[in-house]
Amino acid sequence: MNVITRKRGLAGLALVGTATMLLAGCAAAPEEGESGAESVDYKACAVSDEGSWNDKSFNEAAYAGLTKAEDELGVEIADAESASADDFEPNLSNMIDANCDIIFAVGFNLIDAVNAAAVANPDNHFVTIDGYVADESTTNLKPIIYSMNESSYLAGYLAAAYSTTKVIGTYGGLQIDAVTDFMTGYYYGAKAYETETGTPVTVLGWDPTAATGQFTDGFGDSEGAKNISAGQIASDADVIYPVAGGLFSATSEAINESGKDVVFLGVDQDVAVTSPEYADQVLTSVLKKMTDAVYDVIEEQVGGATFDATPYVGTLENGGTGLADFGTFDDKVSDEIKAKLEELTAGIIDGSIDPLS
């Protein structure tokens, strides 16, 4: 478990340990960072889900919002990486002890720990990403959640249209709502293509009706991800949607070893940009714009707004989610399909299309 606190001008300093902090002192005069933003008396903190901040996916996207606030708003930041679920509670406690003004709990897995922390510390402000408030009377815990079924519906339609075998796959890092929401939208988007064109499409890895599918043993299970991907490729899938954080790298490895013309879809961030070495295999990515959401919450608080526990829900309509560009595949996605994706987007936004059916 790594706990790091820093203030502008002290960005490189850290002490590592279970309960060790480097607490930055208050400066006598405003400081300026590389961006020119003056330091402000506000401390934003975050606790990661299992894994590191540089996971090329979920944790990294949230952490980027924290560092953006440091660079552009002049806030002090602190963070704690969780190696396992056993670290959630002590990491949150360490952030509370570090006098953080706001604490982001990054990931569905922290739900129990952050809800308990919020109840026990009513004067502290917490934000749960992909979580929820267990007790409606809790007013110091704000959820940031996403309707990922919406953008995933677009991804499913695209995958079905792009596929030459008309067999596509998906798998998740864990069978939790925050993961299966992606997979369900993907399934129904593919089936929308099937209904519209009359061309049968097989979706491997998830059946939303039976709520059964293929999942790895967590977001660090590279071997499981590779095995699932290899199995789907052997079953003729030529598009795979790994909803498993950075495990797309294991899918890429399975693709390479198969020698087949298979692509995958990224999640959370634009994988073709954040991990350009995979760009030739990334058809597109389904974006969960956590960087913007984290930054916006901090910006509101620095600006003096009263803490508002009303959930933020990222949707296609408000730009909280969407598809990334097609990158190296742009000329392989027809103008007709691009227009259809715009049409589907409009339908989801106006309510005429239900991405969950």
Protein backbone atom coordinates (compact mmCIF):
# COMPACT_ATOMS: atom_id res chain seq x y z
CA MET A 1 0.00 0.00 0.00
CA ASN A 2 1.54 3.27 -1.12
CA VAL A 3 0.38 6.57 0.31
CA ILE A 4 1.65 9.70 -1.40
CA THR A 5 0.91 13.30 -0.53
CA ARG A 6 2.24 16.23 -2.47
CA LYS A 7 1.83 19.95 -2.84
CA ARG A 8 2.80 22.09 -5.80
CA GLY A 9 6.58 22.31 -5.94
CA LEU A 10 6.97 19.04 -3.97
CA ALA A 11 5.65 16.67 -6.61
CA GLY A 12 8.58 14.28 -6.53
CA LEU A 13 8.60 13.57 -2.80
CA ALA A 14 6.98 10.48 -1.35
CA LEU A 15 7.20 8.16 1.60
CA VAL A 16 6.02 4.61 1.15
CA GLY A 17 4.47 2.53 3.93
CA THR A 18 1.29 1.16 5.34
CA ALA A 19 0.45 4.23 7.33
CA THR A 20 3.23 6.65 6.47
CA MET A 21 2.51 10.09 5.06
CA LEU A 22 4.53 12.97 3.77
CA LEU A 23 2.54 15.97 4.90
CA ALA A 24 3.35 19.15 3.03
CA GLY A 25 3.56 22.29 5.11
CA CYS A 26 1.72 25.48 4.35
CA ALA A 27 3.62 28.03 2.32
CA ALA A 28 3.86 31.64 3.40
CA ALA A 29 2.98 32.93 -0.07
CA PRO A 30 1.11 31.52 -3.07
CA GLU A 31 3.17 29.11 -5.15
CA GLU A 32 2.92 28.56 -8.87
CA GLY A 33 3.30 25.28 -10.71
CA GLU A 34 4.31 24.58 -14.27
CA SER A 35 0.87 25.60 -15.51
CA GLY A 36 1.05 28.94 -13.71
CA ALA A 37 -1.87 28.09 -11.41
CA GLU A 38 -1.48 29.54 -7.93
CA SER A 39 -1.66 27.11 -5.04
CA VAL A 40 -4.98 27.05 -3.22
CA ASP A 41 -5.83 25.86 0.25
CA TYR A 42 -7.60 22.70 -0.86
CA LYS A 43 -6.52 19.07 -0.73
CA ALA A 44 -7.99 16.45 -3.05
CA CYS A 45 -7.23 12.79 -2.43
CA ALA A 46 -7.95 9.42 -3.99
CA VAL A 47 -7.80 5.73 -3.12
CA SER A 48 -7.39 3.29 -5.99
CA ASP A 49 -9.18 0.07 -6.68
CA GLU A 50 -6.94 -3.01 -6.68
CA GLY A 51 -3.94 -2.38 -8.90
CA SER A 52 -1.83 0.64 -9.74
CA TRP A 53 -2.74 4.10 -10.93
CA ASN A 54 -1.01 3.41 -14.24
CA ASP A 55 -3.27 0.51 -15.22
CA LYS A 56 -3.93 2.12 -18.63
CA SER A 57 -7.62 2.06 -17.81
CA PHE A 58 -9.98 2.73 -14.90
CA ASN A 59 -7.62 3.81 -12.11
CA GLU A 60 -5.48 5.86 -14.48
CA ALA A 61 -8.44 7.77 -15.91
CA ALA A 62 -9.64 8.80 -12.44
CA TYR A 63 -6.15 9.70 -11.26
CA ALA A 64 -5.67 11.91 -14.32
CA GLY A 65 -8.55 14.05 -13.03
CA LEU A 66 -6.71 14.49 -9.75
CA THR A 67 -3.44 15.54 -11.39
CA LYS A 68 -5.29 17.81 -13.81
CA ALA A 69 -6.76 19.62 -10.79
CA GLU A 70 -3.28 19.87 -9.31
CA ASP A 71 -1.88 21.35 -12.53
CA GLU A 72 -4.73 23.69 -13.45
CA LEU A 73 -6.33 24.61 -10.12
CA GLY A 74 -3.29 24.55 -7.83
CA VAL A 75 -4.74 22.08 -5.33
CA GLU A 76 -2.65 19.82 -3.17
CA ILE A 77 -3.20 16.12 -3.87
CA ALA A 78 -2.61 12.83 -2.11
CA ASP A 79 -3.25 9.29 -3.19
CA ALA A 80 -3.11 5.72 -1.93
CA GLU A 81 -2.77 2.65 -4.13
CA SER A 82 -4.57 -0.50 -3.02
CA ALA A 83 -2.73 -3.75 -3.67
CA SER A 84 -5.75 -5.73 -2.48
CA ALA A 85 -9.17 -5.27 -0.92
CA ASP A 86 -7.52 -5.42 2.50
CA ASP A 87 -6.05 -1.99 1.79
CA PHE A 88 -9.33 -0.17 1.14
CA GLU A 89 -10.25 0.66 4.73
CA PRO A 90 -6.77 1.64 5.95
CA ASN A 91 -6.12 3.68 2.82
CA LEU A 92 -9.34 5.63 3.34
CA SER A 93 -8.43 6.13 7.00
CA ASN A 94 -5.02 7.44 6.00
CA MET A 95 -6.60 9.95 3.65
CA ILE A 96 -8.93 11.12 6.42
CA ASP A 97 -5.97 11.50 8.78
CA ALA A 98 -4.15 13.50 6.08
CA ASN A 99 -6.86 16.19 6.34
CA CYS A 100 -8.10 15.79 2.79
CA ASP A 101 -10.94 18.11 1.81
CA ILE A 102 -12.38 15.51 -0.54
CA ILE A 103 -11.61 11.81 -0.99
CA PHE A 104 -12.36 9.86 -4.17
CA ALA A 105 -12.89 6.11 -3.77
CA VAL A 106 -12.16 4.74 -7.22
CA GLY A 107 -14.13 1.62 -8.06
CA PHE A 108 -17.17 -0.48 -7.28
CA ASN A 109 -15.13 -2.68 -4.96
CA LEU A 110 -14.71 0.18 -2.46
CA ILE A 111 -18.44 0.59 -1.90
CA ASP A 112 -18.60 -0.94 1.57
CA ALA A 113 -15.44 0.76 2.79
CA VAL A 114 -16.32 4.24 1.55
CA ASN A 115 -19.90 4.06 2.81
CA ALA A 116 -18.64 3.09 6.26
CA ALA A 117 -16.05 5.88 6.16
CA ALA A 118 -18.67 8.45 5.15
CA VAL A 119 -21.00 7.48 7.98
CA ALA A 120 -18.18 7.49 10.53
CA ASN A 121 -16.81 10.84 9.32
CA PRO A 122 -19.79 13.10 8.54
CA ASP A 123 -17.60 16.22 8.32
CA ASN A 124 -15.52 14.78 5.48
CA HIS A 125 -16.56 14.79 1.83
CA PHE A 126 -16.32 11.59 -0.20
CA VAL A 127 -16.94 10.65 -3.82
CA THR A 128 -17.50 7.08 -4.94
CA ILE A 129 -16.78 6.25 -8.57
CA ASP A 130 -18.97 3.42 -9.85
CA GLY A 131 -20.46 3.10 -6.38
CA TYR A 132 -23.64 4.11 -4.60
CA VAL A 133 -24.86 5.47 -1.28
CA ALA A 134 -26.05 2.63 0.93
CA ASP A 135 -27.85 4.88 3.43
CA GLU A 136 -30.04 7.62 1.96
CA SER A 137 -29.43 9.78 5.01
CA THR A 138 -25.73 10.05 4.10
CA THR A 139 -25.19 13.53 2.69
CA ASN A 140 -21.38 13.61 2.46
CA LEU A 141 -20.95 10.91 -0.19
CA LYS A 142 -21.41 11.71 -3.88
CA PRO A 143 -21.64 8.92 -6.47
CA ILE A 144 -20.13 9.30 -9.93
CA ILE A 145 -21.75 6.65 -12.09
CA TYR A 146 -22.13 5.98 -15.79
CA SER A 147 -24.72 4.54 -18.15
CA MET A 148 -22.10 2.50 -19.97
CA ASN A 149 -24.80 0.38 -21.59
CA GLU A 150 -25.47 3.36 -23.87
CA SER A 151 -22.06 3.66 -25.49
CA SER A 152 -21.60 -0.11 -25.32
CA TYR A 153 -24.77 -0.53 -27.39
CA LEU A 154 -23.06 1.51 -30.10
CA ALA A 155 -19.96 -0.65 -29.72
CA GLY A 156 -22.00 -3.83 -30.08
CA TYR A 157 -23.66 -2.60 -33.25
CA LEU A 158 -20.29 -1.54 -34.64
CA ALA A 159 -18.69 -4.87 -33.72
CA ALA A 160 -21.46 -6.82 -35.44
CA ALA A 161 -21.25 -4.64 -38.54
CA TYR A 162 -17.45 -4.87 -38.70
CA SER A 163 -17.23 -8.61 -38.06
CA THR A 164 -16.77 -10.86 -41.07
CA THR A 165 -17.55 -14.05 -39.14
CA LYS A 166 -20.55 -12.49 -37.38
CA VAL A 167 -19.22 -13.97 -34.16
CA ILE A 168 -18.13 -11.43 -31.54
CA GLY A 169 -17.03 -11.85 -27.95
CA THR A 170 -16.83 -10.14 -24.61
CA TYR A 171 -15.67 -10.93 -21.08
CA GLY A 172 -15.49 -9.11 -17.77
CA GLY A 173 -12.98 -8.66 -14.99
CA LEU A 174 -15.62 -9.48 -12.37
CA GLN A 175 -19.33 -10.20 -12.50
CA ILE A 176 -20.44 -6.94 -10.94
CA ASP A 177 -22.99 -4.41 -12.15
CA ALA A 178 -20.34 -1.87 -13.14
CA VAL A 179 -18.93 -4.46 -15.57
CA THR A 180 -22.03 -6.26 -16.83
CA ASP A 181 -23.61 -2.91 -17.71
CA PHE A 182 -21.03 -2.63 -20.51
CA MET A 183 -21.57 -6.21 -21.61
CA THR A 184 -25.36 -5.98 -21.70
CA GLY A 185 -25.36 -2.88 -23.88
CA TYR A 186 -22.84 -4.55 -26.19
CA TYR A 187 -25.02 -7.64 -26.50
CA TYR A 188 -28.17 -5.72 -27.37
CA GLY A 189 -26.35 -3.44 -29.80
CA ALA A 190 -25.17 -6.51 -31.70
CA LYS A 191 -28.67 -7.95 -31.65
CA ALA A 192 -30.03 -4.66 -33.01
CA TYR A 193 -27.76 -5.13 -36.01
CA GLU A 194 -29.02 -8.71 -36.33
CA THR A 195 -32.66 -7.58 -36.28
CA GLU A 196 -32.09 -4.74 -38.71
CA THR A 197 -30.10 -6.71 -41.29
CA GLY A 198 -31.49 -10.21 -40.82
CA THR A 199 -27.92 -11.47 -40.44
CA PRO A 200 -27.48 -13.74 -37.39
CA VAL A 201 -24.86 -12.54 -34.92
CA THR A 202 -23.43 -14.74 -32.18
CA VAL A 203 -22.28 -12.99 -29.00
CA LEU A 204 -19.89 -15.04 -26.89
CA GLY A 205 -19.14 -14.34 -23.25
CA TRP A 206 -22.39 -12.86 -21.94
CA ASP A 207 -26.08 -13.73 -21.90
CA PRO A 208 -27.98 -10.91 -20.18
CA THR A 209 -31.18 -12.94 -19.87
CA ALA A 210 -29.51 -15.77 -17.98
CA ALA A 211 -26.95 -13.39 -16.41
CA THR A 212 -24.18 -15.85 -17.23
CA GLY A 213 -20.93 -15.26 -19.03
CA GLN A 214 -17.16 -15.35 -18.95
CA PHE A 215 -15.18 -13.51 -16.30
CA THR A 216 -11.60 -13.45 -15.12
CA ASP A 217 -10.58 -13.79 -11.50
CA GLY A 218 -10.26 -10.05 -11.05
CA PHE A 219 -8.67 -7.26 -13.04
CA GLY A 220 -5.15 -8.60 -12.66
CA ASP A 221 -5.85 -12.08 -14.02
CA SER A 222 -3.88 -11.92 -17.26
CA GLU A 223 -3.79 -15.68 -17.67
CA GLY A 224 -7.57 -15.94 -17.39
CA ALA A 225 -8.07 -13.07 -19.84
CA LYS A 226 -5.74 -14.66 -22.36
CA ASN A 227 -7.43 -18.05 -22.05
CA ILE A 228 -10.91 -16.59 -22.49
CA SER A 229 -9.78 -14.55 -25.48
CA ALA A 230 -8.07 -17.54 -27.08
CA GLY A 231 -11.21 -19.61 -26.61
CA GLN A 232 -13.40 -16.98 -28.22
CA ILE A 233 -11.00 -16.62 -31.13
CA ALA A 234 -11.04 -20.40 -31.57
CA SER A 235 -14.84 -20.12 -31.76
CA ASP A 236 -14.47 -17.67 -34.68
CA ALA A 237 -14.88 -14.38 -32.81
CA ASP A 238 -13.08 -11.65 -34.72
CA VAL A 239 -14.05 -8.76 -32.42
CA ILE A 240 -13.55 -9.00 -28.64
CA TYR A 241 -14.73 -6.56 -25.96
CA PRO A 242 -12.65 -7.03 -22.78
CA VAL A 243 -14.40 -5.16 -19.96
CA ALA A 244 -11.53 -5.78 -17.62
CA GLY A 245 -9.34 -2.73 -17.25
CA GLY A 246 -5.82 -3.26 -18.53
CA LEU A 247 -6.39 -6.93 -19.39
CA PHE A 248 -6.83 -5.92 -23.02
CA SER A 249 -3.09 -6.59 -23.23
CA ALA A 250 -3.78 -10.29 -22.63
CA THR A 251 -6.42 -10.24 -25.35
CA SER A 252 -3.86 -8.69 -27.69
CA GLU A 253 -1.42 -11.46 -26.84
CA ALA A 254 -4.04 -14.10 -27.65
CA ILE A 255 -4.76 -12.35 -30.96
CA ASN A 256 -1.08 -12.30 -31.86
CA GLU A 257 -0.64 -15.98 -31.06
CA SER A 258 -3.73 -16.94 -33.07
CA GLY A 259 -2.39 -15.41 -36.26
CA LYS A 260 -5.95 -14.39 -37.13
CA ASP A 261 -7.38 -11.05 -38.18
CA VAL A 262 -9.02 -10.13 -34.87
CA VAL A 263 -9.56 -6.73 -33.25
CA PHE A 264 -10.65 -5.63 -29.80
CA LEU A 265 -12.49 -2.72 -28.22
CA GLY A 266 -10.95 -0.68 -25.43
CA VAL A 267 -12.76 0.55 -22.33
CA ASP A 268 -12.61 3.61 -20.07
CA GLN A 269 -9.88 5.47 -21.99
CA ASP A 270 -8.97 5.65 -25.68
CA VAL A 271 -6.61 2.69 -25.63
CA ALA A 272 -5.24 3.52 -29.08
CA VAL A 273 -3.98 6.79 -27.58
CA THR A 274 -2.98 5.74 -24.06
CA SER A 275 -1.35 2.53 -25.30
CA PRO A 276 -0.44 3.29 -28.92
CA GLU A 277 1.46 0.02 -29.29
CA TYR A 278 -1.98 -1.65 -29.52
CA ALA A 279 -3.49 0.86 -31.96
CA ASP A 280 -3.43 -1.55 -34.90
CA GLN A 281 -5.79 -3.88 -33.00
CA VAL A 282 -8.14 -1.30 -31.41
CA LEU A 283 -11.30 -0.81 -33.47
CA THR A 284 -12.44 1.90 -31.06
CA SER A 285 -12.77 2.41 -27.31
CA VAL A 286 -15.84 2.91 -25.14
CA LEU A 287 -15.05 5.97 -23.08
CA LYS A 288 -15.91 6.49 -19.43
CA LYS A 289 -14.83 10.09 -18.98
CA MET A 290 -13.78 9.91 -15.35
CA THR A 291 -10.95 12.39 -15.77
CA ASP A 292 -13.43 15.16 -16.54
CA ALA A 293 -15.86 14.15 -13.80
CA VAL A 294 -13.20 14.07 -11.08
CA TYR A 295 -11.79 17.40 -12.20
CA ASP A 296 -15.23 19.03 -12.40
CA VAL A 297 -16.13 18.01 -8.84
CA ILE A 298 -12.87 19.42 -7.51
CA GLU A 299 -13.26 22.62 -9.55
CA GLU A 300 -16.73 23.20 -8.10
CA GLN A 301 -15.44 22.79 -4.55
CA VAL A 302 -12.43 25.03 -5.09
CA GLY A 303 -14.84 27.61 -6.49
CA GLY A 304 -16.74 27.63 -3.22
CA ALA A 305 -19.77 25.53 -4.14
CA THR A 306 -21.63 23.72 -1.38
CA PHE A 307 -20.88 20.00 -1.48
CA ASP A 308 -23.70 18.31 -3.39
CA ALA A 309 -24.22 14.59 -2.89
CA THR A 310 -26.55 14.33 -5.89
CA PRO A 311 -25.19 11.55 -8.14
CA TYR A 312 -23.45 12.52 -11.35
CA VAL A 313 -24.58 10.15 -14.10
CA GLY A 314 -22.43 10.11 -17.23
CA THR A 315 -24.50 9.54 -20.37
CA LEU A 316 -24.30 9.98 -24.12
CA GLU A 317 -26.41 13.10 -23.76
CA ASN A 318 -24.11 14.91 -21.33
CA GLY A 319 -20.91 13.60 -22.92
CA GLY A 320 -19.93 11.48 -19.94
CA THR A 321 -19.52 8.48 -22.20
CA GLY A 322 -19.20 7.79 -25.91
CA LEU A 323 -17.08 6.11 -28.55
CA ALA A 324 -13.52 7.17 -29.33
CA ASP A 325 -12.35 7.80 -32.87
CA PHE A 326 -11.69 4.78 -35.06
CA GLY A 327 -8.01 5.59 -35.41
CA THR A 328 -6.24 3.28 -37.85
CA PHE A 329 -9.59 1.66 -38.65
CA ASP A 330 -11.28 4.85 -39.80
CA ASP A 331 -11.20 3.90 -43.47
CA LYS A 332 -12.52 0.43 -42.64
CA VAL A 333 -15.69 1.76 -41.01
CA SER A 334 -18.03 2.84 -43.78
CA ASP A 335 -19.77 6.20 -43.89
CA GLU A 336 -23.03 4.26 -43.72
CA ILE A 337 -22.06 2.66 -40.42
CA LYS A 338 -20.81 5.97 -39.03
CA ALA A 339 -24.14 7.58 -39.93
CA LYS A 340 -25.98 4.67 -38.33
CA LEU A 341 -24.03 5.11 -35.10
CA GLU A 342 -25.05 8.78 -35.05
CA GLU A 343 -28.65 7.73 -35.60
CA LEU A 344 -28.47 5.22 -32.75
CA THR A 345 -26.89 7.82 -30.50
CA ALA A 346 -29.78 10.20 -31.17
CA GLY A 347 -32.28 7.43 -30.49
CA ILE A 348 -30.72 6.54 -27.16
CA ILE A 349 -30.66 10.19 -26.14
CA ASP A 350 -34.30 10.83 -27.07
CA GLY A 351 -35.42 7.59 -25.45
CA SER A 352 -36.70 5.85 -28.57
CA ILE A 353 -33.99 3.19 -28.22
CA ASP A 354 -33.51 1.22 -25.02
CA PRO A 355 -29.90 -0.04 -24.88
CA LEU A 356 -30.89 -2.63 -22.28
CA SER A 357 -33.35 -4.54 -24.43
